[in-house]
């Protein structure tokens, strides 16, 4: 029921409904990725505070992308201090 609602704003690239692995129930939130930034902004206007079921309103806002990096192949013999020192050389 979420896809038709959000498609009104524009083409959807991806929808991830977050699930609890233990209970199998949804966690009460989802991430929708649109094909354009404009569609995402339109979705906020159209869908925020939308009543999807009697008495049940959804909150919709722009999500800020994570700014995380994955750094692999760090030698297990390195201490935290040594790793911080190496990163300090390039930042």
N, C-alpha and C. Protein backbone atom coordinates (compact mmCIF):
# COMPACT_ATOMS: atom_id res chain seq x y z
N UNK A 1 0.81 -1.21 0.00
CA UNK A 1 0.00 0.00 0.00
C UNK A 1 0.85 1.27 0.00
N UNK A 2 2.14 1.16 0.30
CA UNK A 2 3.01 2.33 0.29
C UNK A 2 3.42 2.74 -1.12
N UNK A 3 3.67 1.75 -1.98
CA UNK A 3 4.15 2.06 -3.33
C UNK A 3 3.17 2.95 -4.09
N UNK A 4 1.88 2.61 -4.18
CA UNK A 4 0.97 3.49 -4.92
C UNK A 4 0.90 4.91 -4.34
N UNK A 5 1.00 5.02 -3.03
CA UNK A 5 0.97 6.34 -2.40
C UNK A 5 2.17 7.18 -2.83
N UNK A 6 3.37 6.60 -2.72
CA UNK A 6 4.57 7.36 -3.04
C UNK A 6 4.79 7.54 -4.53
N UNK A 7 4.25 6.65 -5.35
CA UNK A 7 4.39 6.80 -6.81
C UNK A 7 3.69 8.05 -7.33
N UNK A 8 2.76 8.58 -6.55
CA UNK A 8 2.09 9.82 -6.95
C UNK A 8 3.08 10.98 -7.05
N UNK A 9 4.19 10.88 -6.31
CA UNK A 9 5.20 11.94 -6.30
C UNK A 9 6.19 11.80 -7.45
N UNK A 10 6.35 10.59 -7.97
CA UNK A 10 7.31 10.36 -9.04
C UNK A 10 7.81 8.94 -9.02
N UNK A 11 8.64 8.58 -10.00
CA UNK A 11 9.12 7.20 -10.08
C UNK A 11 10.00 6.81 -8.90
N UNK A 12 9.74 5.62 -8.37
CA UNK A 12 10.48 5.09 -7.22
C UNK A 12 11.62 4.21 -7.73
N UNK A 13 12.80 4.41 -7.18
CA UNK A 13 13.96 3.58 -7.50
C UNK A 13 14.00 2.36 -6.58
N UNK A 14 13.70 2.58 -5.28
CA UNK A 14 13.83 1.52 -4.29
C UNK A 14 12.96 1.85 -3.08
N UNK A 15 12.37 0.83 -2.46
CA UNK A 15 11.64 0.99 -1.21
C UNK A 15 12.11 -0.10 -0.27
N UNK A 16 12.60 0.31 0.89
CA UNK A 16 13.06 -0.66 1.90
C UNK A 16 12.22 -0.51 3.16
N UNK A 17 11.38 -1.50 3.43
CA UNK A 17 10.60 -1.54 4.66
C UNK A 17 11.44 -2.27 5.69
N UNK A 18 11.77 -1.60 6.77
CA UNK A 18 12.66 -2.17 7.77
C UNK A 18 11.88 -3.16 8.65
N UNK A 19 12.44 -4.38 8.76
CA UNK A 19 11.77 -5.46 9.47
C UNK A 19 12.57 -5.88 10.69
N UNK A 20 11.88 -6.32 11.72
CA UNK A 20 12.52 -6.88 12.91
C UNK A 20 12.83 -8.34 12.62
N UNK A 21 14.10 -8.74 12.66
CA UNK A 21 14.45 -10.12 12.30
C UNK A 21 13.91 -11.16 13.27
N UNK A 22 13.67 -10.78 14.50
CA UNK A 22 13.19 -11.75 15.49
C UNK A 22 11.69 -11.98 15.38
N UNK A 23 10.92 -10.90 15.28
CA UNK A 23 9.46 -11.05 15.26
C UNK A 23 8.91 -11.17 13.85
N UNK A 24 9.67 -10.70 12.85
CA UNK A 24 9.17 -10.70 11.48
C UNK A 24 8.21 -9.56 11.19
N UNK A 25 7.98 -8.69 12.18
CA UNK A 25 7.09 -7.55 12.00
C UNK A 25 7.89 -6.35 11.51
N UNK A 26 7.20 -5.41 10.87
CA UNK A 26 7.91 -4.22 10.43
C UNK A 26 8.26 -3.36 11.63
N UNK A 27 9.33 -2.58 11.49
CA UNK A 27 9.83 -1.76 12.60
C UNK A 27 9.16 -0.39 12.65
N UNK A 28 8.23 -0.15 11.74
CA UNK A 28 7.48 1.10 11.77
C UNK A 28 8.07 2.20 10.92
N UNK A 29 9.05 1.88 10.09
CA UNK A 29 9.60 2.88 9.19
C UNK A 29 10.15 2.23 7.94
N UNK A 30 10.32 3.07 6.92
CA UNK A 30 10.82 2.59 5.63
C UNK A 30 11.65 3.69 4.99
N UNK A 31 12.46 3.31 4.01
CA UNK A 31 13.22 4.26 3.22
C UNK A 31 12.76 4.13 1.77
N UNK A 32 12.39 5.25 1.17
CA UNK A 32 11.99 5.26 -0.23
C UNK A 32 13.02 6.09 -0.98
N UNK A 33 13.60 5.52 -2.03
CA UNK A 33 14.55 6.24 -2.87
C UNK A 33 13.85 6.54 -4.20
N UNK A 34 13.81 7.81 -4.54
CA UNK A 34 13.19 8.23 -5.79
C UNK A 34 14.25 8.40 -6.87
N UNK A 35 13.81 8.42 -8.11
CA UNK A 35 14.73 8.60 -9.23
C UNK A 35 15.28 10.02 -9.31
N UNK A 36 14.54 10.97 -8.74
CA UNK A 36 14.99 12.36 -8.76
C UNK A 36 14.80 13.00 -7.39
N UNK A 37 15.61 14.01 -7.12
CA UNK A 37 15.49 14.77 -5.88
C UNK A 37 14.14 15.49 -5.82
N UNK A 38 13.69 15.96 -6.98
CA UNK A 38 12.40 16.67 -7.05
C UNK A 38 11.24 15.76 -6.65
N UNK A 39 11.30 14.50 -7.06
CA UNK A 39 10.24 13.55 -6.69
C UNK A 39 10.24 13.32 -5.18
N UNK A 40 11.41 13.24 -4.58
CA UNK A 40 11.50 13.06 -3.13
C UNK A 40 10.90 14.27 -2.41
N UNK A 41 11.20 15.46 -2.90
CA UNK A 41 10.64 16.67 -2.29
C UNK A 41 9.13 16.73 -2.46
N UNK A 42 8.65 16.29 -3.62
CA UNK A 42 7.21 16.24 -3.86
C UNK A 42 6.54 15.23 -2.95
N UNK A 43 7.20 14.12 -2.68
CA UNK A 43 6.65 13.09 -1.79
C UNK A 43 6.44 13.64 -0.38
N UNK A 44 7.37 14.47 0.08
CA UNK A 44 7.21 15.08 1.40
C UNK A 44 5.95 15.94 1.41
N UNK A 45 5.77 16.75 0.37
CA UNK A 45 4.60 17.63 0.29
C UNK A 45 3.29 16.83 0.24
N UNK A 46 3.28 15.77 -0.57
CA UNK A 46 2.06 14.99 -0.77
C UNK A 46 1.74 14.02 0.36
N UNK A 47 2.78 13.43 0.95
CA UNK A 47 2.55 12.28 1.83
C UNK A 47 2.74 12.55 3.32
N UNK A 48 3.44 13.62 3.69
CA UNK A 48 3.65 13.88 5.11
C UNK A 48 2.31 14.10 5.80
N UNK A 49 2.13 13.43 6.90
CA UNK A 49 0.91 13.48 7.71
C UNK A 49 -0.29 12.87 6.99
N UNK A 50 -0.03 12.05 5.98
CA UNK A 50 -1.09 11.38 5.23
C UNK A 50 -1.69 10.27 6.08
N UNK A 51 -3.01 10.20 6.10
CA UNK A 51 -3.71 9.15 6.85
C UNK A 51 -3.79 7.90 5.98
N UNK A 52 -2.95 6.89 6.30
CA UNK A 52 -2.93 5.68 5.47
C UNK A 52 -3.97 4.66 5.92
N UNK A 53 -4.38 4.76 7.16
CA UNK A 53 -5.48 3.96 7.72
C UNK A 53 -6.21 4.86 8.70
N UNK A 54 -7.45 4.54 9.04
CA UNK A 54 -8.17 5.42 9.97
C UNK A 54 -7.38 5.64 11.27
N UNK A 55 -7.07 6.90 11.52
CA UNK A 55 -6.34 7.26 12.74
C UNK A 55 -4.85 7.05 12.67
N UNK A 56 -4.32 6.56 11.54
CA UNK A 56 -2.88 6.29 11.39
C UNK A 56 -2.29 7.22 10.32
N UNK A 57 -1.48 8.17 10.79
CA UNK A 57 -0.83 9.12 9.89
C UNK A 57 0.65 8.78 9.79
N UNK A 58 1.22 9.02 8.62
CA UNK A 58 2.65 8.78 8.45
C UNK A 58 3.40 10.12 8.41
N UNK A 59 4.61 10.08 8.91
CA UNK A 59 5.49 11.23 8.84
C UNK A 59 6.52 10.99 7.75
N UNK A 60 6.69 11.96 6.87
CA UNK A 60 7.62 11.82 5.75
C UNK A 60 8.55 13.02 5.74
N UNK A 61 9.84 12.75 5.67
CA UNK A 61 10.82 13.83 5.59
C UNK A 61 12.00 13.37 4.74
N UNK A 62 12.76 14.35 4.25
CA UNK A 62 13.95 14.04 3.46
C UNK A 62 14.98 13.39 4.37
N UNK A 63 15.54 12.29 3.93
CA UNK A 63 16.59 11.60 4.68
C UNK A 63 17.94 12.07 4.18
N UNK A 64 18.82 12.36 5.11
CA UNK A 64 20.17 12.78 4.75
C UNK A 64 21.02 11.53 4.54
N UNK A 65 21.68 11.44 3.42
CA UNK A 65 22.50 10.26 3.11
C UNK A 65 23.62 10.10 4.13
N UNK A 66 23.92 8.86 4.42
CA UNK A 66 25.04 8.57 5.33
C UNK A 66 26.34 9.01 4.71
N UNK A 67 27.24 9.46 5.54
CA UNK A 67 28.57 9.86 5.09
C UNK A 67 29.62 8.94 5.69
N UNK A 68 29.37 7.65 5.62
CA UNK A 68 30.26 6.67 6.22
C UNK A 68 31.13 6.03 5.16
N UNK A 69 32.30 5.61 5.59
CA UNK A 69 33.21 4.87 4.72
C UNK A 69 33.47 3.49 5.31
N UNK A 70 33.67 2.52 4.45
CA UNK A 70 34.14 1.21 4.89
C UNK A 70 35.63 1.16 4.58
N UNK A 71 36.42 0.86 5.58
CA UNK A 71 37.87 0.72 5.40
C UNK A 71 38.22 -0.71 5.77
N UNK A 72 38.66 -1.48 4.80
CA UNK A 72 38.99 -2.87 5.03
C UNK A 72 40.48 -3.13 4.95
N UNK A 73 40.85 -4.35 5.20
CA UNK A 73 42.25 -4.82 5.13
C UNK A 73 43.18 -4.12 6.11
N UNK A 74 42.65 -3.70 7.24
CA UNK A 74 43.50 -3.13 8.29
C UNK A 74 44.13 -4.30 9.04
N UNK A 75 45.45 -4.31 9.15
CA UNK A 75 46.10 -5.43 9.85
C UNK A 75 45.58 -5.58 11.28
N UNK A 76 45.25 -6.80 11.65
CA UNK A 76 44.71 -7.06 12.99
C UNK A 76 45.72 -6.77 14.09
N UNK A 77 46.99 -6.69 13.72
CA UNK A 77 48.03 -6.43 14.71
C UNK A 77 48.12 -4.95 15.09
N UNK A 78 47.46 -4.06 14.31
CA UNK A 78 47.51 -2.62 14.59
C UNK A 78 46.62 -2.27 15.78
N UNK A 79 47.12 -1.40 16.63
CA UNK A 79 46.32 -0.93 17.77
C UNK A 79 45.45 0.24 17.30
N UNK A 80 44.48 0.60 18.13
CA UNK A 80 43.62 1.74 17.82
C UNK A 80 44.46 3.00 17.63
N UNK A 81 45.43 3.19 18.50
CA UNK A 81 46.29 4.37 18.44
C UNK A 81 47.08 4.42 17.13
N UNK A 82 47.58 3.28 16.68
CA UNK A 82 48.33 3.23 15.43
C UNK A 82 47.43 3.56 14.23
N UNK A 83 46.22 3.08 14.28
CA UNK A 83 45.28 3.35 13.19
C UNK A 83 44.93 4.83 13.15
N UNK A 84 44.64 5.41 14.31
CA UNK A 84 44.34 6.84 14.38
C UNK A 84 45.52 7.66 13.87
N UNK A 85 46.72 7.25 14.23
CA UNK A 85 47.94 7.95 13.79
C UNK A 85 48.07 7.91 12.26
N UNK A 86 47.77 6.76 11.65
CA UNK A 86 47.85 6.64 10.19
C UNK A 86 46.82 7.55 9.51
N UNK A 87 45.59 7.56 10.04
CA UNK A 87 44.57 8.43 9.45
C UNK A 87 44.92 9.90 9.63
N UNK A 88 45.54 10.24 10.74
CA UNK A 88 45.93 11.64 11.00
C UNK A 88 46.95 12.14 9.97
N UNK A 89 47.71 11.25 9.39
CA UNK A 89 48.71 11.64 8.39
C UNK A 89 48.06 12.18 7.11
N UNK A 90 46.85 11.76 6.83
CA UNK A 90 46.20 12.14 5.57
C UNK A 90 44.99 13.06 5.76
N UNK A 91 44.70 13.43 6.99
CA UNK A 91 43.55 14.32 7.21
C UNK A 91 43.98 15.64 7.79
